[in-house]
Amino acid sequence: MFAAVWLRAPARARLHALRELYRRFFGENTPDARGRRLLAEWLSPAQRAQFEQYRYFDVVGCDTGRIYRIHYGTAANVHEVDGDGRATMGWCFVPSGFLVPGDVMLAQKIALETDEKGALALANRFPPATHSEHFYRRPF
């Protein structure tokens, strides 16, 4: 009887380890996680640090040199900011199709850095949010 209990413990440990491996593998391979990884690969070290700390990163427009803050999200998540970091105007432009937030944010970053005027010509303007920045602090 002692031997039967002893053999069950290693099997239980292996089963637990296997479950943890599957949980990590599938948790890191969701579309959202892959989108965040791709976005992180395209961010500069300063942008990556800013995104990890605040859930947004700043981009400099290629045509005007204006600063845009891209928040984590898929719509109405781009704000033009002044020198003090206050939002002066909101911009809503997204690629077509159903994409996860990381992919949308990467498309917005590339658009502003390579064709700012073209991106803003398609974008909808909206007044900057008057609510707290905590609105954007959603968990991954």
Protein backbone atom coordinates (compact mmCIF):
# COMPACT_ATOMS: atom_id res chain seq x y z
CA MET A 1 0.00 0.00 0.00
CA PHE A 2 2.89 2.36 0.77
CA ALA A 3 4.34 1.72 -2.72
CA ALA A 4 1.01 2.63 -4.40
CA VAL A 5 0.90 5.99 -2.61
CA TRP A 6 4.57 6.61 -3.39
CA LEU A 7 4.02 6.03 -7.12
CA ARG A 8 1.05 8.36 -7.21
CA ALA A 9 3.00 11.38 -5.97
CA PRO A 10 5.43 11.51 -8.96
CA ALA A 11 2.57 10.97 -11.37
CA ARG A 12 0.64 13.78 -9.71
CA ALA A 13 3.69 16.05 -9.92
CA ARG A 14 4.14 15.21 -13.62
CA LEU A 15 0.48 15.90 -14.26
CA HIS A 16 0.72 19.23 -12.43
CA ALA A 17 3.85 20.16 -14.42
CA LEU A 18 2.13 19.22 -17.67
CA ARG A 19 -0.92 21.31 -16.83
CA GLU A 20 1.30 24.28 -16.00
CA LEU A 21 3.18 23.85 -19.30
CA TYR A 22 -0.06 23.83 -21.29
CA ARG A 23 -1.38 26.82 -19.35
CA ARG A 24 1.75 28.83 -20.08
CA PHE A 25 1.94 27.74 -23.71
CA PHE A 26 -1.67 28.55 -24.52
CA GLY A 27 -1.62 31.70 -22.41
CA GLU A 28 1.37 33.01 -24.37
CA ASN A 29 -0.04 32.00 -27.74
CA THR A 30 -3.40 33.72 -27.64
CA PRO A 31 -3.96 36.26 -30.43
CA ASP A 32 -3.80 39.08 -27.88
CA ALA A 33 -0.48 37.88 -26.45
CA ARG A 34 1.02 37.44 -29.95
CA GLY A 35 -0.15 40.96 -30.88
CA ARG A 36 1.49 42.43 -27.78
CA ARG A 37 4.73 40.55 -28.53
CA LEU A 38 4.79 41.82 -32.11
CA LEU A 39 4.12 45.38 -30.93
CA ALA A 40 6.92 45.12 -28.35
CA GLU A 41 9.36 44.01 -31.07
CA TRP A 42 8.60 47.16 -33.07
CA LEU A 43 8.79 49.62 -30.17
CA SER A 44 11.99 51.47 -29.38
CA PRO A 45 13.46 50.72 -25.93
CA ALA A 46 12.07 54.03 -24.60
CA GLN A 47 8.62 53.33 -26.06
CA ARG A 48 8.65 49.78 -24.67
CA ALA A 49 9.53 51.02 -21.18
CA GLN A 50 6.83 53.68 -21.40
CA PHE A 51 4.26 51.12 -22.57
CA GLU A 52 5.14 48.63 -19.83
CA GLN A 53 4.83 51.30 -17.15
CA TYR A 54 1.88 53.38 -18.37
CA ARG A 55 0.05 51.23 -20.98
CA TYR A 56 0.71 53.85 -23.66
CA PHE A 57 3.65 55.08 -25.71
CA ASP A 58 4.46 58.29 -27.56
CA VAL A 59 5.10 58.54 -31.29
CA VAL A 60 6.46 61.51 -33.24
CA GLY A 61 4.61 62.27 -36.47
CA CYS A 62 6.81 62.19 -39.55
CA ASP A 63 5.32 65.25 -41.25
CA THR A 64 4.68 67.77 -38.46
CA GLY A 65 6.82 66.50 -35.59
CA ARG A 66 3.76 66.47 -33.32
CA ILE A 67 3.66 63.98 -30.49
CA TYR A 68 0.89 61.39 -30.41
CA ARG A 69 0.16 59.14 -27.47
CA ILE A 70 -1.16 55.69 -28.37
CA HIS A 71 -3.04 54.04 -25.51
CA TYR A 72 -3.72 50.32 -25.21
CA GLY A 73 -6.91 49.70 -27.17
CA THR A 74 -8.45 49.39 -30.59
CA ALA A 75 -10.43 52.61 -31.14
CA ALA A 76 -10.31 56.23 -29.99
CA ASN A 77 -6.95 55.49 -28.39
CA VAL A 78 -4.67 58.04 -30.11
CA HIS A 79 -4.24 61.49 -28.59
CA GLU A 80 -2.17 64.40 -29.76
CA VAL A 81 -0.31 65.75 -26.74
CA ASP A 82 1.35 69.06 -26.00
CA GLY A 83 4.78 69.61 -24.49
CA ASP A 84 3.41 69.04 -20.99
CA GLY A 85 1.90 65.68 -21.94
CA ARG A 86 -1.71 66.92 -21.90
CA ALA A 87 -4.05 65.66 -24.60
CA THR A 88 -5.08 68.41 -27.01
CA MET A 89 -6.98 66.35 -29.60
CA GLY A 90 -8.11 62.77 -29.99
CA TRP A 91 -7.83 60.80 -33.23
CA CYS A 92 -9.65 57.63 -34.15
CA PHE A 93 -8.30 55.56 -37.03
CA VAL A 94 -8.00 51.81 -37.22
CA PRO A 95 -7.06 49.27 -39.88
CA SER A 96 -9.91 47.31 -41.41
CA GLY A 97 -10.73 43.88 -40.08
CA PHE A 98 -10.94 42.44 -36.60
CA LEU A 99 -7.51 42.84 -35.01
CA VAL A 100 -6.29 42.57 -31.45
CA PRO A 101 -5.16 45.75 -29.66
CA GLY A 102 -1.43 45.11 -30.18
CA ASP A 103 -1.87 44.82 -33.96
CA VAL A 104 -4.06 47.94 -34.13
CA MET A 105 -1.56 49.94 -32.08
CA LEU A 106 1.32 48.79 -34.30
CA ALA A 107 -0.59 49.86 -37.42
CA GLN A 108 -1.30 53.25 -35.81
CA LYS A 109 2.37 53.67 -34.86
CA ILE A 110 3.59 52.82 -38.37
CA ALA A 111 0.97 55.09 -39.98
CA LEU A 112 1.93 58.10 -37.86
CA GLU A 113 5.67 57.54 -38.31
CA THR A 114 5.52 57.01 -42.09
CA ASP A 115 2.43 58.87 -43.38
CA GLU A 116 1.10 61.15 -40.66
CA LYS A 117 -0.93 63.38 -42.97
CA GLY A 118 -2.48 60.42 -44.78
CA ALA A 119 -3.46 58.74 -41.51
CA LEU A 120 -4.96 61.90 -40.06
CA ALA A 121 -6.85 62.61 -43.30
CA LEU A 122 -8.78 59.37 -42.71
CA ALA A 123 -9.10 59.77 -38.95
CA ASN A 124 -12.06 61.05 -36.98
CA ARG A 125 -11.23 63.86 -34.57
CA PHE A 126 -12.69 64.01 -31.10
CA PRO A 127 -12.12 66.24 -28.07
CA PRO A 128 -9.64 64.89 -25.54
CA ALA A 129 -11.09 62.83 -22.73
CA THR A 130 -11.85 64.61 -19.51
CA HIS A 131 -11.90 61.39 -17.51
CA SER A 132 -9.08 59.86 -15.56
CA GLU A 133 -6.12 58.14 -17.15
CA HIS A 134 -7.22 55.05 -15.20
CA PHE A 135 -9.77 54.48 -17.95
CA TYR A 136 -6.92 53.16 -20.08
CA ARG A 137 -5.36 50.99 -17.41
CA ARG A 138 -7.03 47.73 -18.32
CA PRO A 139 -5.30 44.50 -17.40
CA PHE A 140 -3.74 42.44 -20.19
